[in-house]
Amino acid sequence: MAFVSSSLALAWTVLSIATQGTLASPTPLDISPSLQEILNKAHQGPLYTYPTSLTQGIIPKAIHSHNDYWRDVPFYTALSVGAVSTESDVWLYNDTLFVGHEQGALTTAHLKTDGASTWPAVVKALEPLRSAGYLSSVNSTTFTSGAVTVIGTGNTPLSLVQPITDRDYFWDAPIPTLNSTFSNITSLISPIASTDFAANFGPVLGTSLDSTQLDLLRTQVKIAHGKGIKLRYWDQPAWPLSTRDAVWRLLRTEGVDFINADDVAAAAGDASW
């Protein structure tokens, strides 16, 4: 998986390593007119056009567009509500990268690839962004922020990221083991760490965490931020909506840096922003 960042502010891309296929073109439904204009004109010339009004009036929000493939218009819908992070599942087939969440959504039915073979193809595919100077990068001990920050998650091998001192891609560290198994991970390797909310905290009853859950959250935030690493929790409660919204607000209040959201419009419309 990989995080991508956008020109709204700092956008991140999460690339998830999977296997193969192609996706049908979506029918735009929930997208702003200026973004729709780009989609309509995208294939009319060799280069994309970028109207200066594209992001006018859009306020960047620390939202990660989870399950972005659910949207009628992936990526652009999240961008239109101000989400600065989005997620792409990447599959490799016959040396070609494809994007899609599940093999069932892809035209090719069978593949056996892993992160070790897929990640180098991802790094190679970043060349146009690299050549244009869009990518955030690290040079030994210095992080340079760019318009796009790519973070490999899922099956991305740490061994193909950590040893490379000069690079323009990063690794999504696991939050629970930042003070144990991965205590040597720094923000130069993992600007962001994530974990499964449900597996980490257990069920949420009502609209708040219990004292044990809250203590764990605060400990994890303190450890990550002590390393200069931002946090993102996925698989948060989605129902009832009162619980979902309360958890979003609590995470922000406690210092979690990115709100993972399937319903990006609801997350962006929260009054607490």
Protein backbone atom coordinates (compact mmCIF):
# COMPACT_ATOMS: atom_id res chain seq x y z
CA MET A 1 0.00 0.00 0.00
CA ALA A 2 1.22 3.51 -0.50
CA PHE A 3 0.33 6.99 0.68
CA VAL A 4 0.18 9.91 -1.76
CA SER A 5 0.28 13.58 -1.01
CA SER A 6 -1.47 16.30 -2.98
CA SER A 7 -0.87 19.93 -3.82
CA LEU A 8 -3.49 21.03 -1.29
CA ALA A 9 -0.77 20.96 1.31
CA LEU A 10 1.14 17.83 2.05
CA ALA A 11 -0.52 14.84 0.46
CA TRP A 12 0.38 11.29 1.11
CA THR A 13 -0.11 8.11 -0.88
CA VAL A 14 -0.37 4.71 0.63
CA LEU A 15 0.48 1.91 -1.79
CA SER A 16 -0.71 -1.53 -0.88
CA ILE A 17 1.17 -4.41 -2.45
CA ALA A 18 -1.14 -6.98 -3.99
CA THR A 19 -1.27 -8.70 -7.40
CA GLN A 20 -2.86 -7.92 -10.84
CA GLY A 21 -5.56 -6.49 -13.12
CA THR A 22 -7.43 -3.58 -14.72
CA LEU A 23 -10.44 -1.60 -13.55
CA ALA A 24 -13.46 -0.26 -15.38
CA SER A 25 -13.82 3.52 -15.64
CA PRO A 26 -16.11 4.88 -12.93
CA THR A 27 -19.18 7.02 -13.46
CA PRO A 28 -18.62 10.36 -11.71
CA LEU A 29 -21.31 11.14 -9.14
CA ASP A 30 -19.95 12.92 -6.10
CA ILE A 31 -17.34 15.30 -7.40
CA SER A 32 -16.92 19.06 -7.75
CA PRO A 33 -17.37 20.71 -11.19
CA SER A 34 -13.72 21.80 -11.43
CA LEU A 35 -12.49 18.28 -10.74
CA GLN A 36 -15.07 16.88 -13.16
CA GLU A 37 -13.66 19.20 -15.81
CA ILE A 38 -10.24 17.62 -15.39
CA LEU A 39 -11.66 14.14 -15.73
CA ASN A 40 -13.57 15.08 -18.88
CA LYS A 41 -10.50 16.59 -20.54
CA ALA A 42 -7.88 14.20 -19.22
CA HIS A 43 -7.64 12.09 -22.37
CA GLN A 44 -8.06 14.86 -24.95
CA GLY A 45 -4.38 15.69 -25.08
CA PRO A 46 -0.95 14.25 -24.24
CA LEU A 47 -0.79 16.20 -20.98
CA TYR A 48 -3.25 16.86 -18.19
CA THR A 49 -4.38 20.44 -17.74
CA TYR A 50 -4.46 22.02 -14.31
CA PRO A 51 -6.87 24.95 -13.98
CA THR A 52 -5.75 27.35 -11.29
CA SER A 53 -9.19 27.10 -9.69
CA LEU A 54 -8.84 23.35 -9.11
CA THR A 55 -8.22 23.54 -5.38
CA GLN A 56 -9.56 27.04 -4.78
CA GLY A 57 -11.64 27.13 -1.63
CA ILE A 58 -10.74 23.57 -0.60
CA ILE A 59 -9.42 23.46 2.96
CA PRO A 60 -6.83 20.71 3.55
CA LYS A 61 -7.86 18.28 6.27
CA ALA A 62 -5.82 15.51 7.90
CA ILE A 63 -8.05 12.78 6.46
CA HIS A 64 -6.83 9.52 4.96
CA SER A 65 -9.16 8.25 2.24
CA HIS A 66 -9.42 4.61 3.20
CA ASN A 67 -11.04 2.13 0.79
CA ASP A 68 -10.71 4.84 -1.85
CA TYR A 69 -11.71 2.31 -4.53
CA TRP A 70 -15.29 2.45 -3.15
CA ARG A 71 -15.80 5.89 -4.64
CA ASP A 72 -17.32 6.48 -8.06
CA VAL A 73 -14.33 8.70 -8.76
CA PRO A 74 -11.37 7.51 -6.66
CA PHE A 75 -8.76 10.04 -5.55
CA TYR A 76 -10.50 13.11 -6.97
CA THR A 77 -13.49 12.76 -4.66
CA ALA A 78 -11.19 12.68 -1.63
CA LEU A 79 -9.22 15.62 -3.01
CA SER A 80 -12.41 17.61 -3.54
CA VAL A 81 -13.28 17.49 0.19
CA GLY A 82 -9.74 18.34 1.30
CA ALA A 83 -8.37 14.90 2.21
CA VAL A 84 -4.57 15.05 2.06
CA SER A 85 -3.98 11.31 2.05
CA THR A 86 -5.31 8.54 -0.15
CA GLU A 87 -4.77 4.82 -0.58
CA SER A 88 -3.96 2.71 -3.64
CA ASP A 89 -3.74 -1.07 -3.78
CA VAL A 90 -1.07 -2.08 -6.28
CA TRP A 91 -0.80 -5.41 -8.11
CA LEU A 92 1.94 -6.66 -10.40
CA TYR A 93 1.23 -8.81 -13.44
CA ASN A 94 3.62 -9.51 -16.34
CA ASP A 95 5.87 -6.69 -15.13
CA THR A 96 2.99 -4.20 -15.27
CA LEU A 97 1.44 -2.45 -12.27
CA PHE A 98 -2.33 -2.24 -11.88
CA VAL A 99 -4.51 -0.59 -9.27
CA GLY A 100 -7.49 -2.23 -7.58
CA HIS A 101 -8.46 -3.48 -4.15
CA GLU A 102 -9.32 -7.10 -4.85
CA GLN A 103 -8.40 -9.63 -7.50
CA GLY A 104 -12.12 -10.07 -8.15
CA ALA A 105 -12.23 -6.47 -9.38
CA LEU A 106 -9.43 -7.14 -11.83
CA THR A 107 -9.56 -8.78 -15.22
CA THR A 108 -6.65 -11.15 -14.62
CA ALA A 109 -7.58 -14.02 -12.37
CA HIS A 110 -4.36 -15.60 -11.15
CA LEU A 111 -1.08 -14.26 -9.91
CA LYS A 112 1.60 -15.12 -7.39
CA THR A 113 3.63 -12.06 -6.54
CA ASP A 114 4.85 -10.64 -3.27
CA GLY A 115 6.23 -7.39 -1.97
CA ALA A 116 9.81 -8.30 -2.87
CA SER A 117 8.95 -8.43 -6.57
CA THR A 118 6.25 -5.76 -6.63
CA TRP A 119 7.92 -2.95 -4.70
CA PRO A 120 10.81 -2.42 -7.16
CA ALA A 121 8.20 -1.99 -9.89
CA VAL A 122 6.47 0.64 -7.76
CA VAL A 123 9.73 2.52 -7.25
CA LYS A 124 10.37 2.43 -11.00
CA ALA A 125 6.84 3.65 -11.77
CA LEU A 126 7.46 6.74 -9.61
CA GLU A 127 10.03 8.04 -12.12
CA PRO A 128 7.77 10.70 -13.73
CA LEU A 129 7.05 12.19 -10.30
CA ARG A 130 10.69 11.81 -9.37
CA SER A 131 11.89 13.61 -12.50
CA ALA A 132 9.42 16.42 -11.92
CA GLY A 133 10.70 16.91 -8.37
CA TYR A 134 7.35 16.13 -6.75
CA LEU A 135 8.44 13.41 -4.32
CA SER A 136 9.37 13.85 -0.67
CA SER A 137 12.80 12.37 -0.12
CA VAL A 138 15.46 11.58 2.44
CA ASN A 139 19.18 12.13 2.00
CA SER A 140 21.01 10.26 4.75
CA THR A 141 19.79 12.30 7.73
CA THR A 142 17.66 14.99 6.07
CA PHE A 143 14.00 14.79 5.07
CA THR A 144 12.91 17.06 2.23
CA SER A 145 9.17 17.54 1.88
CA GLY A 146 7.66 17.37 -1.59
CA ALA A 147 4.16 17.59 -3.02
CA VAL A 148 3.83 13.80 -2.89
CA THR A 149 4.99 11.48 -0.11
CA VAL A 150 4.88 7.78 -0.96
CA ILE A 151 4.67 5.28 1.89
CA GLY A 152 4.61 1.55 1.25
CA THR A 153 2.41 -0.54 3.49
CA GLY A 154 0.77 -3.96 3.21
CA ASN A 155 3.41 -6.37 1.93
CA THR A 156 6.07 -3.71 1.37
CA PRO A 157 9.37 -5.22 2.60
CA LEU A 158 11.21 -3.11 5.16
CA SER A 159 14.42 -4.61 3.78
CA LEU A 160 13.87 -2.74 0.50
CA VAL A 161 13.38 0.60 2.24
CA GLN A 162 15.43 0.87 5.44
CA PRO A 163 18.92 0.19 4.00
CA ILE A 164 18.52 2.79 1.22
CA THR A 165 19.86 6.04 2.67
CA ASP A 166 18.97 8.25 -0.32
CA ARG A 167 15.41 7.55 -1.46
CA ASP A 168 12.00 9.06 -2.20
CA TYR A 169 9.76 6.43 -0.62
CA PHE A 170 9.06 5.28 2.92
CA TRP A 171 7.64 2.44 5.00
CA ASP A 172 4.46 2.27 7.08
CA ALA A 173 5.56 1.09 10.52
CA PRO A 174 3.26 -0.80 12.94
CA ILE A 175 2.23 1.43 15.84
CA PRO A 176 2.10 -1.23 18.61
CA THR A 177 5.74 -2.29 18.20
CA LEU A 178 7.45 1.08 17.81
CA ASN A 179 8.90 0.63 21.31
CA SER A 180 9.83 -3.04 20.91
CA THR A 181 10.37 -4.96 17.66
CA PHE A 182 10.71 -1.78 15.61
CA SER A 183 12.22 0.50 18.22
CA ASN A 184 14.99 1.37 15.74
CA ILE A 185 12.53 2.84 13.23
CA THR A 186 12.79 6.61 12.83
CA SER A 187 10.71 9.17 10.97
CA LEU A 188 13.26 9.03 8.13
CA ILE A 189 12.09 5.48 7.49
CA SER A 190 8.47 5.81 8.59
CA PRO A 191 7.00 9.32 8.62
CA ILE A 192 3.71 7.61 9.43
CA ALA A 193 2.86 4.48 11.40
CA SER A 194 -0.49 2.71 11.42
CA THR A 195 -2.36 -0.21 12.91
CA ASP A 196 -5.74 -1.93 13.04
CA PHE A 197 -7.89 0.03 15.51
CA ALA A 198 -10.18 -2.91 16.34
CA ALA A 199 -7.34 -5.35 16.94
CA ASN A 200 -5.41 -2.76 18.94
CA PHE A 201 -8.17 -1.43 21.21
CA GLY A 202 -10.98 -3.96 21.00
CA PRO A 203 -14.66 -3.00 20.74
CA VAL A 204 -15.87 0.49 21.55
CA LEU A 205 -19.02 0.64 23.66
CA GLY A 206 -20.98 3.84 23.29
CA THR A 207 -19.18 7.02 22.32
CA SER A 208 -15.94 6.83 24.29
CA LEU A 209 -12.97 4.62 25.01
CA ASP A 210 -12.68 3.02 28.42
CA SER A 211 -9.78 3.94 30.70
CA THR A 212 -7.59 1.03 29.54
CA GLN A 213 -8.14 1.86 25.89
CA LEU A 214 -7.49 5.54 26.46
CA ASP A 215 -4.26 4.85 28.36
CA LEU A 216 -3.07 2.65 25.48
CA LEU A 217 -3.91 5.34 22.92
CA ARG A 218 -2.05 8.03 24.85
CA THR A 219 0.97 5.77 25.29
CA GLN A 220 1.12 4.99 21.58
CA VAL A 221 0.74 8.64 20.61
CA LYS A 222 3.53 9.61 23.01
CA ILE A 223 5.91 6.94 21.70
CA ALA A 224 5.28 7.73 18.04
CA HIS A 225 5.46 11.49 18.43
CA GLY A 226 8.62 11.09 20.48
CA LYS A 227 10.16 9.64 17.32
CA GLY A 228 8.65 12.33 15.11
CA ILE A 229 6.30 9.74 13.56
CA LYS A 230 2.67 10.53 12.75
CA LEU A 231 -0.14 8.07 13.49
CA ARG A 232 -3.09 6.61 11.61
CA TYR A 233 -5.54 3.97 12.86
CA TRP A 234 -7.60 1.96 10.39
CA ASP A 235 -10.63 -0.31 10.86
CA GLN A 236 -12.24 2.14 13.27
CA PRO A 237 -15.90 1.67 14.25
CA ALA A 238 -18.18 2.50 11.33
CA TRP A 239 -21.51 1.96 13.08
CA PRO A 240 -23.42 3.35 14.79
CA LEU A 241 -22.59 6.75 13.32
CA SER A 242 -22.56 8.33 16.77
CA THR A 243 -19.73 5.98 17.77
CA ARG A 244 -17.86 6.56 14.51
CA ASP A 245 -18.04 10.33 14.82
CA ALA A 246 -17.13 10.28 18.52
CA VAL A 247 -14.07 8.12 17.83
CA TRP A 248 -12.95 10.48 15.06
CA ARG A 249 -13.17 13.46 17.42
CA LEU A 250 -11.46 11.61 20.26
CA LEU A 251 -8.55 10.56 18.06
CA ARG A 252 -8.04 14.13 16.90
CA THR A 253 -8.27 15.46 20.45
CA GLU A 254 -5.67 12.93 21.63
CA GLY A 255 -3.21 13.91 18.90
CA VAL A 256 -3.71 11.24 16.22
CA ASP A 257 -2.46 12.85 13.03
CA PHE A 258 -4.64 11.28 10.33
CA ILE A 259 -8.29 10.29 10.55
CA ASN A 260 -8.93 7.14 8.55
CA ALA A 261 -12.29 7.51 6.80
CA ASP A 262 -14.37 5.49 4.39
CA ASP A 263 -16.94 8.30 4.22
CA VAL A 264 -14.61 11.20 3.44
CA ALA A 265 -17.46 13.68 2.99
CA ALA A 266 -18.74 12.94 6.49
CA ALA A 267 -15.26 13.20 7.96
CA ALA A 268 -14.59 16.48 6.15
CA GLY A 269 -17.94 17.91 7.25
CA ASP A 270 -17.32 17.35 10.94
CA ALA A 271 -17.66 20.66 12.74
CA SER A 272 -14.57 19.98 14.86
CA TRP A 273 -12.29 20.80 11.93
